[in-house]
Amino acid sequence: MKLKTSVTLSEDILKVIKRASHKGESRSETIERLLRESLAARARRLADERDLQIINRHADRLNAEAEDVLDYQADL
């Protein structure tokens, strides 16, 4: 379901939106597509940041485990 809303944008933003639009795409469609892309990219970035925090929280234990495994390898 789509809802109608009113948004006031600066002229320079409208120019960028016009350049970013695909052929046959309305301004509303362009704004919605760009907003969806931006929100998806933000969600990916936040997920990556959370993953990195988890990795960093466990880094010392994981590194110690890796060193222990490497100690079992024979010299070539």
PDB file of N, CA and C in Angstrom:
ATOM      1  N   MET A   1       0.846  -1.174   0.000  1.00  0.00           N
ATOM      2  CA  MET A   1       0.000   0.000   0.000  1.00  0.00           C
ATOM      3  C   MET A   1       0.896   1.244   0.000  1.00  0.00           C
ATOM      4  N   LYS A   2       0.561   2.179  -0.784  1.00  0.00           N
ATOM      5  CA  LYS A   2       1.308   3.424  -0.863  1.00  0.00           C
ATOM      6  C   LYS A   2       0.502   4.529  -0.193  1.00  0.00           C
ATOM      7  N   LEU A   3       1.213   5.394   0.499  1.00  0.00           N
ATOM      8  CA  LEU A   3       0.599   6.547   1.151  1.00  0.00           C
ATOM      9  C   LEU A   3       1.180   7.808   0.555  1.00  0.00           C
ATOM     10  N   LYS A   4       0.348   8.793   0.392  1.00  0.00           N
ATOM     11  CA  LYS A   4       0.804  10.064  -0.159  1.00  0.00           C
ATOM     12  C   LYS A   4       1.352  10.914   0.974  1.00  0.00           C
ATOM     13  N   THR A   5       2.512  11.540   0.702  1.00  0.00           N
ATOM     14  CA  THR A   5       3.124  12.425   1.688  1.00  0.00           C
ATOM     15  C   THR A   5       3.727  13.614   0.963  1.00  0.00           C
ATOM     16  N   SER A   6       3.986  14.643   1.715  1.00  0.00           N
ATOM     17  CA  SER A   6       4.582  15.842   1.134  1.00  0.00           C
ATOM     18  C   SER A   6       5.954  16.046   1.759  1.00  0.00           C
ATOM     19  N   VAL A   7       6.950  16.244   0.901  1.00  0.00           N
ATOM     20  CA  VAL A   7       8.316  16.461   1.361  1.00  0.00           C
ATOM     21  C   VAL A   7       8.867  17.671   0.620  1.00  0.00           C
ATOM     22  N   THR A   8       9.530  18.537   1.356  1.00  0.00           N
ATOM     23  CA  THR A   8      10.151  19.703   0.740  1.00  0.00           C
ATOM     24  C   THR A   8      11.640  19.428   0.592  1.00  0.00           C
ATOM     25  N   LEU A   9      12.132  19.524  -0.640  1.00  0.00           N
ATOM     26  CA  LEU A   9      13.533  19.237  -0.930  1.00  0.00           C
ATOM     27  C   LEU A   9      14.183  20.450  -1.578  1.00  0.00           C
ATOM     28  N   SER A  10      15.464  20.594  -1.351  1.00  0.00           N
ATOM     29  CA  SER A  10      16.186  21.709  -1.954  1.00  0.00           C
ATOM     30  C   SER A  10      16.350  21.460  -3.454  1.00  0.00           C
ATOM     31  N   GLU A  11      16.583  22.525  -4.177  1.00  0.00           N
ATOM     32  CA  GLU A  11      16.705  22.456  -5.628  1.00  0.00           C
ATOM     33  C   GLU A  11      17.871  21.572  -6.053  1.00  0.00           C
ATOM     34  N   ASP A  12      18.994  21.650  -5.323  1.00  0.00           N
ATOM     35  CA  ASP A  12      20.148  20.838  -5.702  1.00  0.00           C
ATOM     36  C   ASP A  12      19.860  19.346  -5.520  1.00  0.00           C
ATOM     37  N   ILE A  13      19.106  18.977  -4.504  1.00  0.00           N
ATOM     38  CA  ILE A  13      18.734  17.574  -4.313  1.00  0.00           C
ATOM     39  C   ILE A  13      17.809  17.117  -5.439  1.00  0.00           C
ATOM     40  N   LEU A  14      16.885  17.965  -5.843  1.00  0.00           N
ATOM     41  CA  LEU A  14      15.980  17.604  -6.942  1.00  0.00           C
ATOM     42  C   LEU A  14      16.743  17.392  -8.247  1.00  0.00           C
ATOM     43  N   LYS A  15      17.793  18.162  -8.460  1.00  0.00           N
ATOM     44  CA  LYS A  15      18.622  17.976  -9.659  1.00  0.00           C
ATOM     45  C   LYS A  15      19.324  16.623  -9.621  1.00  0.00           C
ATOM     46  N   VAL A  16      19.833  16.259  -8.446  1.00  0.00           N
ATOM     47  CA  VAL A  16      20.501  14.963  -8.296  1.00  0.00           C
ATOM     48  C   VAL A  16      19.492  13.835  -8.510  1.00  0.00           C
ATOM     49  N   ILE A  17      18.295  13.986  -7.972  1.00  0.00           N
ATOM     50  CA  ILE A  17      17.254  12.972  -8.140  1.00  0.00           C
ATOM     51  C   ILE A  17      16.905  12.823  -9.617  1.00  0.00           C
ATOM     52  N   LYS A  18      16.812  13.932 -10.308  1.00  0.00           N
ATOM     53  CA  LYS A  18      16.496  13.879 -11.741  1.00  0.00           C
ATOM     54  C   LYS A  18      17.581  13.128 -12.508  1.00  0.00           C
ATOM     55  N   ARG A  19      18.846  13.387 -12.182  1.00  0.00           N
ATOM     56  CA  ARG A  19      19.957  12.695 -12.854  1.00  0.00           C
ATOM     57  C   ARG A  19      19.994  11.207 -12.495  1.00  0.00           C
ATOM     58  N   ALA A  20      19.521  10.867 -11.299  1.00  0.00           N
ATOM     59  CA  ALA A  20      19.561   9.482 -10.838  1.00  0.00           C
ATOM     60  C   ALA A  20      18.376   8.645 -11.320  1.00  0.00           C
ATOM     61  N   SER A  21      17.403   9.295 -11.912  1.00  0.00           N
ATOM     62  CA  SER A  21      16.198   8.557 -12.313  1.00  0.00           C
ATOM     63  C   SER A  21      16.460   7.680 -13.539  1.00  0.00           C
ATOM     64  N   HIS A  22      15.777   6.558 -13.550  1.00  0.00           N
ATOM     65  CA  HIS A  22      15.842   5.661 -14.702  1.00  0.00           C
ATOM     66  C   HIS A  22      14.822   6.121 -15.734  1.00  0.00           C
ATOM     67  N   LYS A  23      15.035   5.721 -16.958  1.00  0.00           N
ATOM     68  CA  LYS A  23      14.132   6.110 -18.042  1.00  0.00           C
ATOM     69  C   LYS A  23      12.706   5.662 -17.709  1.00  0.00           C
ATOM     70  N   GLY A  24      11.764   6.578 -17.808  1.00  0.00           N
ATOM     71  CA  GLY A  24      10.357   6.282 -17.576  1.00  0.00           C
ATOM     72  C   GLY A  24       9.968   6.238 -16.104  1.00  0.00           C
ATOM     73  N   GLU A  25      10.913   6.523 -15.222  1.00  0.00           N
ATOM     74  CA  GLU A  25      10.647   6.464 -13.788  1.00  0.00           C
ATOM     75  C   GLU A  25      10.184   7.839 -13.310  1.00  0.00           C
ATOM     76  N   SER A  26       9.119   7.864 -12.529  1.00  0.00           N
ATOM     77  CA  SER A  26       8.636   9.133 -11.991  1.00  0.00           C
ATOM     78  C   SER A  26       9.551   9.605 -10.867  1.00  0.00           C
ATOM     79  N   ARG A  27       9.406  10.851 -10.500  1.00  0.00           N
ATOM     80  CA  ARG A  27      10.206  11.388  -9.400  1.00  0.00           C
ATOM     81  C   ARG A  27       9.930  10.602  -8.121  1.00  0.00           C
ATOM     82  N   SER A  28       8.671  10.303  -7.859  1.00  0.00           N
ATOM     83  CA  SER A  28       8.318   9.530  -6.658  1.00  0.00           C
ATOM     84  C   SER A  28       8.964   8.148  -6.681  1.00  0.00           C
ATOM     85  N   GLU A  29       8.935   7.504  -7.835  1.00  0.00           N
ATOM     86  CA  GLU A  29       9.554   6.176  -7.964  1.00  0.00           C
ATOM     87  C   GLU A  29      11.064   6.259  -7.744  1.00  0.00           C
ATOM     88  N   THR A  30      11.668   7.312  -8.284  1.00  0.00           N
ATOM     89  CA  THR A  30      13.111   7.493  -8.110  1.00  0.00           C
ATOM     90  C   THR A  30      13.454   7.705  -6.643  1.00  0.00           C
ATOM     91  N   ILE A  31      12.724   8.575  -5.986  1.00  0.00           N
ATOM     92  CA  ILE A  31      12.982   8.852  -4.568  1.00  0.00           C
ATOM     93  C   ILE A  31      12.791   7.585  -3.745  1.00  0.00           C
ATOM     94  N   GLU A  32      11.727   6.834  -4.019  1.00  0.00           N
ATOM     95  CA  GLU A  32      11.481   5.596  -3.272  1.00  0.00           C
ATOM     96  C   GLU A  32      12.607   4.583  -3.509  1.00  0.00           C
ATOM     97  N   ARG A  33      13.045   4.427  -4.755  1.00  0.00           N
ATOM     98  CA  ARG A  33      14.129   3.489  -5.076  1.00  0.00           C
ATOM     99  C   ARG A  33      15.415   3.899  -4.377  1.00  0.00           C
ATOM    100  N   LEU A  34      15.769   5.181  -4.464  1.00  0.00           N
ATOM    101  CA  LEU A  34      16.995   5.660  -3.834  1.00  0.00           C
ATOM    102  C   LEU A  34      16.940   5.518  -2.316  1.00  0.00           C
ATOM    103  N   LEU A  35      15.787   5.768  -1.749  1.00  0.00           N
ATOM    104  CA  LEU A  35      15.627   5.623  -0.304  1.00  0.00           C
ATOM    105  C   LEU A  35      15.754   4.155   0.106  1.00  0.00           C
ATOM    106  N   ARG A  36      15.120   3.256  -0.664  1.00  0.00           N
ATOM    107  CA  ARG A  36      15.243   1.820  -0.372  1.00  0.00           C
ATOM    108  C   ARG A  36      16.699   1.367  -0.469  1.00  0.00           C
ATOM    109  N   GLU A  37      17.407   1.817  -1.504  1.00  0.00           N
ATOM    110  CA  GLU A  37      18.818   1.448  -1.680  1.00  0.00           C
ATOM    111  C   GLU A  37      19.653   1.964  -0.509  1.00  0.00           C
ATOM    112  N   SER A  38      19.396   3.193  -0.110  1.00  0.00           N
ATOM    113  CA  SER A  38      20.139   3.790   0.993  1.00  0.00           C
ATOM    114  C   SER A  38      19.865   3.058   2.300  1.00  0.00           C
ATOM    115  N   LEU A  39      18.611   2.732   2.559  1.00  0.00           N
ATOM    116  CA  LEU A  39      18.262   2.025   3.791  1.00  0.00           C
ATOM    117  C   LEU A  39      18.841   0.610   3.805  1.00  0.00           C
ATOM    118  N   ALA A  40      18.855  -0.046   2.654  1.00  0.00           N
ATOM    119  CA  ALA A  40      19.442  -1.392   2.570  1.00  0.00           C
ATOM    120  C   ALA A  40      20.947  -1.325   2.817  1.00  0.00           C
ATOM    121  N   ALA A  41      21.610  -0.331   2.249  1.00  0.00           N
ATOM    122  CA  ALA A  41      23.052  -0.168   2.455  1.00  0.00           C
ATOM    123  C   ALA A  41      23.351   0.132   3.921  1.00  0.00           C
ATOM    124  N   ARG A  42      22.512   0.936   4.540  1.00  0.00           N
ATOM    125  CA  ARG A  42      22.687   1.253   5.964  1.00  0.00           C
ATOM    126  C   ARG A  42      22.515   0.003   6.817  1.00  0.00           C
ATOM    127  N   ALA A  43      21.511  -0.801   6.499  1.00  0.00           N
ATOM    128  CA  ALA A  43      21.277  -2.036   7.248  1.00  0.00           C
ATOM    129  C   ALA A  43      22.466  -2.987   7.111  1.00  0.00           C
ATOM    130  N   ARG A  44      23.022  -3.092   5.891  1.00  0.00           N
ATOM    131  CA  ARG A  44      24.206  -3.939   5.679  1.00  0.00           C
ATOM    132  C   ARG A  44      25.400  -3.422   6.482  1.00  0.00           C
ATOM    133  N   ARG A  45      25.592  -2.102   6.470  1.00  0.00           N
ATOM    134  CA  ARG A  45      26.711  -1.493   7.192  1.00  0.00           C
ATOM    135  C   ARG A  45      26.571  -1.736   8.701  1.00  0.00           C
ATOM    136  N   LEU A  46      25.360  -1.587   9.236  1.00  0.00           N
ATOM    137  CA  LEU A  46      25.141  -1.828  10.661  1.00  0.00           C
ATOM    138  C   LEU A  46      25.366  -3.297  11.013  1.00  0.00           C
ATOM    139  N   ALA A  47      24.921  -4.200  10.148  1.00  0.00           N
ATOM    140  CA  ALA A  47      25.135  -5.633  10.385  1.00  0.00           C
ATOM    141  C   ALA A  47      26.631  -5.949  10.364  1.00  0.00           C
ATOM    142  N   ASP A  48      27.363  -5.361   9.425  1.00  0.00           N
ATOM    143  CA  ASP A  48      28.812  -5.565   9.357  1.00  0.00           C
ATOM    144  C   ASP A  48      29.495  -5.049  10.617  1.00  0.00           C
ATOM    145  N   GLU A  49      29.052  -3.891  11.113  1.00  0.00           N
ATOM    146  CA  GLU A  49      29.623  -3.330  12.337  1.00  0.00           C
ATOM    147  C   GLU A  49      29.348  -4.241  13.531  1.00  0.00           C
ATOM    148  N   ARG A  50      28.128  -4.785  13.621  1.00  0.00           N
ATOM    149  CA  ARG A  50      27.801  -5.717  14.712  1.00  0.00           C
ATOM    150  C   ARG A  50      28.655  -6.970  14.618  1.00  0.00           C
ATOM    151  N   ASP A  51      28.813  -7.506  13.404  1.00  0.00           N
ATOM    152  CA  ASP A  51      29.644  -8.699  13.216  1.00  0.00           C
ATOM    153  C   ASP A  51      31.082  -8.432  13.634  1.00  0.00           C
ATOM    154  N   LEU A  52      31.613  -7.277  13.259  1.00  0.00           N
ATOM    155  CA  LEU A  52      32.984  -6.932  13.612  1.00  0.00           C
ATOM    156  C   LEU A  52      33.138  -6.812  15.127  1.00  0.00           C
ATOM    157  N   GLN A  53      32.150  -6.243  15.792  1.00  0.00           N
ATOM    158  CA  GLN A  53      32.200  -6.152  17.252  1.00  0.00           C
ATOM    159  C   GLN A  53      32.229  -7.544  17.881  1.00  0.00           C
ATOM    160  N   ILE A  54      31.446  -8.462  17.347  1.00  0.00           N
ATOM    161  CA  ILE A  54      31.428  -9.838  17.860  1.00  0.00           C
ATOM    162  C   ILE A  54      32.788 -10.487  17.645  1.00  0.00           C
ATOM    163  N   ILE A  55      33.342 -10.339  16.453  1.00  0.00           N
ATOM    164  CA  ILE A  55      34.655 -10.915  16.149  1.00  0.00           C
ATOM    165  C   ILE A  55      35.711 -10.332  17.082  1.00  0.00           C
ATOM    166  N   ASN A  56      35.700  -9.023  17.251  1.00  0.00           N
ATOM    167  CA  ASN A  56      36.699  -8.379  18.107  1.00  0.00           C
ATOM    168  C   ASN A  56      36.554  -8.810  19.566  1.00  0.00           C
ATOM    169  N   ARG A  57      35.317  -9.025  20.001  1.00  0.00           N
ATOM    170  CA  ARG A  57      35.086  -9.462  21.375  1.00  0.00           C
ATOM    171  C   ARG A  57      35.691 -10.839  21.639  1.00  0.00           C
ATOM    172  N   HIS A  58      35.735 -11.671  20.603  1.00  0.00           N
ATOM    173  CA  HIS A  58      36.224 -13.045  20.740  1.00  0.00           C
ATOM    174  C   HIS A  58      37.607 -13.254  20.114  1.00  0.00           C
ATOM    175  N   ALA A  59      38.247 -12.173  19.677  1.00  0.00           N
ATOM    176  CA  ALA A  59      39.503 -12.278  18.922  1.00  0.00           C
ATOM    177  C   ALA A  59      40.606 -12.970  19.703  1.00  0.00           C
ATOM    178  N   ASP A  60      40.791 -12.604  20.950  1.00  0.00           N
ATOM    179  CA  ASP A  60      41.888 -13.203  21.730  1.00  0.00           C
ATOM    180  C   ASP A  60      41.717 -14.712  21.849  1.00  0.00           C
ATOM    181  N   ARG A  61      40.508 -15.160  22.148  1.00  0.00           N
ATOM    182  CA  ARG A  61      40.257 -16.591  22.275  1.00  0.00           C
ATOM    183  C   ARG A  61      40.436 -17.302  20.939  1.00  0.00           C
ATOM    184  N   LEU A  62      39.931 -16.704  19.865  1.00  0.00           N
ATOM    185  CA  LEU A  62      40.052 -17.318  18.539  1.00  0.00           C
ATOM    186  C   LEU A  62      41.513 -17.369  18.088  1.00  0.00           C
ATOM    187  N   ASN A  63      42.279 -16.323  18.376  1.00  0.00           N
ATOM    188  CA  ASN A  63      43.699 -16.314  18.006  1.00  0.00           C
ATOM    189  C   ASN A  63      44.477 -17.352  18.796  1.00  0.00           C
ATOM    190  N   ALA A  64      44.167 -17.480  20.077  1.00  0.00           N
ATOM    191  CA  ALA A  64      44.845 -18.486  20.903  1.00  0.00           C
ATOM    192  C   ALA A  64      44.519 -19.890  20.397  1.00  0.00           C
ATOM    193  N   GLU A  65      43.275 -20.086  20.001  1.00  0.00           N
ATOM    194  CA  GLU A  65      42.866 -21.389  19.458  1.00  0.00           C
ATOM    195  C   GLU A  65      43.612 -21.681  18.161  1.00  0.00           C
ATOM    196  N   ALA A  66      43.763 -20.692  17.311  1.00  0.00           N
ATOM    197  CA  ALA A  66      44.474 -20.869  16.039  1.00  0.00           C
ATOM    198  C   ALA A  66      45.953 -21.171  16.291  1.00  0.00           C
ATOM    199  N   GLU A  67      46.553 -20.486  17.247  1.00  0.00           N
ATOM    200  CA  GLU A  67      47.961 -20.753  17.584  1.00  0.00           C
ATOM    201  C   GLU A  67      48.128 -22.177  18.109  1.00  0.00           C
ATOM    202  N   ASP A  68      47.179 -22.636  18.908  1.00  0.00           N
ATOM    203  CA  ASP A  68      47.234 -23.993  19.434  1.00  0.00           C
ATOM    204  C   ASP A  68      47.184 -25.011  18.301  1.00  0.00           C
ATOM    205  N   VAL A  69      46.320 -24.795  17.330  1.00  0.00           N
ATOM    206  CA  VAL A  69      46.213 -25.703  16.182  1.00  0.00           C
ATOM    207  C   VAL A  69      47.507 -25.695  15.389  1.00  0.00           C
ATOM    208  N   LEU A  70      48.080 -24.512  15.198  1.00  0.00           N
ATOM    209  CA  LEU A  70      49.328 -24.416  14.425  1.00  0.00           C
ATOM    210  C   LEU A  70      50.497 -25.098  15.120  1.00  0.00           C
ATOM    211  N   ASP A  71      50.476 -25.168  16.442  1.00  0.00           N
ATOM    212  CA  ASP A  71      51.534 -25.859  17.188  1.00  0.00           C
ATOM    213  C   ASP A  71      51.569 -27.355  16.885  1.00  0.00           C
ATOM    214  N   TYR A  72      50.454 -27.906  16.451  1.00  0.00           N
ATOM    215  CA  TYR A  72      50.383 -29.334  16.144  1.00  0.00           C
ATOM    216  C   TYR A  72      50.928 -29.666  14.760  1.00  0.00           C
ATOM    217  N   GLN A  73      51.152 -28.644  13.928  1.00  0.00           N
ATOM    218  CA  GLN A  73      51.641 -28.904  12.580  1.00  0.00           C
ATOM    219  C   GLN A  73      53.122 -29.256  12.610  1.00  0.00           C
ATOM    220  N   ALA A  74      53.485 -30.163  11.746  1.00  0.00           N
ATOM    221  CA  ALA A  74      54.882 -30.557  11.657  1.00  0.00           C
ATOM    222  C   ALA A  74      55.656 -29.576  10.794  1.00  0.00           C
ATOM    223  N   ASP A  75      56.921 -29.416  11.092  1.00  0.00           N
ATOM    224  CA  ASP A  75      57.783 -28.539  10.280  1.00  0.00           C
ATOM    225  C   ASP A  75      58.041 -29.231   8.957  1.00  0.00           C
ATOM    226  N   LEU A  76      58.027 -28.476   7.901  1.00  0.00           N
ATOM    227  CA  LEU A  76      58.268 -29.037   6.560  1.00  0.00           C
ATOM    228  C   LEU A  76      59.681 -28.890   6.135  1.00  0.00           C
TER     229      LEU A  76
END
